[in-house]
Amino acid sequence: MTRELMKNAKERTDLSSELEQDLEDLGLQRRMKQLDLESKLLKNQKDELV
């Protein structure tokens, strides 16, 4: 019984850390996309000044 509970707890822990990692990756992807858009915007503004 206890062994089963510990196994379940471990699986839940593994799952939540996987989820956490996925969320972190998503956040990084969003940030990269944002930076990409910002740099394009800045480039366009720079080109307009020239």
N, C-alpha and C. Protein backbone atom coordinates (compact mmCIF):
# COMPACT_ATOMS: atom_id res chain seq x y z
N MET A 1 0.83 -1.21 0.00
CA MET A 1 0.00 0.00 0.00
C MET A 1 0.87 1.27 0.00
N THR A 2 1.78 1.34 0.95
CA THR A 2 2.64 2.52 1.05
C THR A 2 3.51 2.67 -0.20
N ARG A 3 4.00 1.54 -0.70
CA ARG A 3 4.83 1.56 -1.89
C ARG A 3 4.06 2.14 -3.08
N GLU A 4 2.79 1.73 -3.19
CA GLU A 4 1.93 2.22 -4.27
C GLU A 4 1.74 3.74 -4.17
N LEU A 5 1.50 4.20 -2.94
CA LEU A 5 1.33 5.63 -2.71
C LEU A 5 2.59 6.40 -3.08
N MET A 6 3.73 5.87 -2.69
CA MET A 6 5.00 6.54 -2.99
C MET A 6 5.23 6.59 -4.49
N LYS A 7 4.88 5.50 -5.17
CA LYS A 7 5.03 5.45 -6.63
C LYS A 7 4.14 6.52 -7.28
N ASN A 8 2.89 6.60 -6.81
CA ASN A 8 1.97 7.61 -7.34
C ASN A 8 2.49 9.02 -7.09
N ALA A 9 2.99 9.24 -5.89
CA ALA A 9 3.51 10.56 -5.55
C ALA A 9 4.69 10.92 -6.45
N LYS A 10 5.56 9.95 -6.69
CA LYS A 10 6.72 10.20 -7.54
C LYS A 10 6.28 10.52 -8.97
N GLU A 11 5.28 9.76 -9.45
CA GLU A 11 4.79 10.01 -10.81
C GLU A 11 4.20 11.40 -10.92
N ARG A 12 3.46 11.81 -9.89
CA ARG A 12 2.89 13.16 -9.89
C ARG A 12 3.97 14.21 -9.88
N THR A 13 4.99 13.98 -9.09
CA THR A 13 6.10 14.93 -9.01
C THR A 13 6.81 15.04 -10.35
N ASP A 14 7.07 13.90 -10.97
CA ASP A 14 7.72 13.90 -12.29
C ASP A 14 6.86 14.68 -13.28
N LEU A 15 5.57 14.45 -13.23
CA LEU A 15 4.65 15.10 -14.16
C LEU A 15 4.66 16.60 -13.96
N SER A 16 4.62 17.04 -12.69
CA SER A 16 4.57 18.47 -12.44
C SER A 16 5.87 19.15 -12.83
N SER A 17 7.01 18.46 -12.66
CA SER A 17 8.26 19.09 -13.08
C SER A 17 8.35 19.12 -14.61
N GLU A 18 7.77 18.12 -15.26
CA GLU A 18 7.70 18.14 -16.74
C GLU A 18 6.86 19.32 -17.20
N LEU A 19 5.71 19.49 -16.54
CA LEU A 19 4.82 20.60 -16.88
C LEU A 19 5.51 21.94 -16.67
N GLU A 20 6.21 22.03 -15.55
CA GLU A 20 6.94 23.25 -15.23
C GLU A 20 7.95 23.57 -16.32
N GLN A 21 8.66 22.53 -16.77
CA GLN A 21 9.66 22.69 -17.83
C GLN A 21 9.00 23.15 -19.13
N ASP A 22 7.85 22.53 -19.45
CA ASP A 22 7.12 22.92 -20.66
C ASP A 22 6.70 24.38 -20.59
N LEU A 23 6.20 24.79 -19.43
CA LEU A 23 5.76 26.18 -19.28
C LEU A 23 6.93 27.14 -19.42
N GLU A 24 8.07 26.75 -18.86
CA GLU A 24 9.27 27.57 -18.96
C GLU A 24 9.68 27.70 -20.42
N ASP A 25 9.66 26.58 -21.15
CA ASP A 25 10.02 26.60 -22.57
C ASP A 25 9.07 27.50 -23.34
N LEU A 26 7.78 27.41 -23.04
CA LEU A 26 6.80 28.26 -23.71
C LEU A 26 7.09 29.73 -23.43
N GLY A 27 7.41 30.03 -22.19
CA GLY A 27 7.72 31.41 -21.82
C GLY A 27 8.93 31.91 -22.59
N LEU A 28 9.95 31.06 -22.71
CA LEU A 28 11.15 31.45 -23.44
C LEU A 28 10.84 31.66 -24.92
N GLN A 29 10.02 30.77 -25.48
CA GLN A 29 9.65 30.90 -26.89
C GLN A 29 8.91 32.21 -27.12
N ARG A 30 8.00 32.54 -26.19
CA ARG A 30 7.26 33.79 -26.32
C ARG A 30 8.19 34.98 -26.25
N ARG A 31 9.14 34.91 -25.32
CA ARG A 31 10.11 36.01 -25.15
C ARG A 31 10.96 36.18 -26.41
N MET A 32 11.39 35.05 -26.98
CA MET A 32 12.20 35.10 -28.19
C MET A 32 11.40 35.72 -29.33
N LYS A 33 10.15 35.32 -29.44
CA LYS A 33 9.28 35.85 -30.48
C LYS A 33 9.12 37.36 -30.31
N GLN A 34 8.93 37.76 -29.04
CA GLN A 34 8.77 39.18 -28.74
C GLN A 34 10.02 39.96 -29.11
N LEU A 35 11.18 39.42 -28.75
CA LEU A 35 12.44 40.08 -29.08
C LEU A 35 12.62 40.18 -30.59
N ASP A 36 12.23 39.13 -31.29
CA ASP A 36 12.33 39.12 -32.74
C ASP A 36 11.47 40.22 -33.35
N LEU A 37 10.24 40.32 -32.84
CA LEU A 37 9.33 41.36 -33.33
C LEU A 37 9.87 42.75 -33.01
N GLU A 38 10.40 42.90 -31.81
CA GLU A 38 10.96 44.19 -31.42
C GLU A 38 12.13 44.58 -32.31
N SER A 39 12.99 43.62 -32.62
CA SER A 39 14.15 43.96 -33.44
C SER A 39 13.71 44.31 -34.87
N LYS A 40 12.69 43.62 -35.38
CA LYS A 40 12.17 43.96 -36.71
C LYS A 40 11.59 45.36 -36.71
N LEU A 41 10.85 45.67 -35.65
CA LEU A 41 10.25 46.99 -35.52
C LEU A 41 11.31 48.08 -35.49
N LEU A 42 12.35 47.84 -34.68
CA LEU A 42 13.44 48.81 -34.58
C LEU A 42 14.15 48.98 -35.92
N LYS A 43 14.33 47.87 -36.61
CA LYS A 43 14.99 47.92 -37.92
C LYS A 43 14.15 48.76 -38.89
N ASN A 44 12.84 48.54 -38.86
CA ASN A 44 11.95 49.32 -39.74
C ASN A 44 12.03 50.81 -39.40
N GLN A 45 12.04 51.12 -38.11
CA GLN A 45 12.12 52.52 -37.70
C GLN A 45 13.45 53.14 -38.15
N LYS A 46 14.50 52.35 -38.01
CA LYS A 46 15.82 52.84 -38.42
C LYS A 46 15.83 53.10 -39.93
N ASP A 47 15.25 52.18 -40.68
CA ASP A 47 15.21 52.33 -42.15
C ASP A 47 14.41 53.56 -42.55
N GLU A 48 13.36 53.87 -41.78
CA GLU A 48 12.55 55.03 -42.11
C GLU A 48 13.32 56.33 -41.84
N LEU A 49 14.20 56.30 -40.87
CA LEU A 49 14.98 57.50 -40.54
C LEU A 49 16.00 57.82 -41.62
N VAL A 50 16.48 56.78 -42.28
CA VAL A 50 17.54 56.95 -43.28
C VAL A 50 16.98 57.62 -44.53
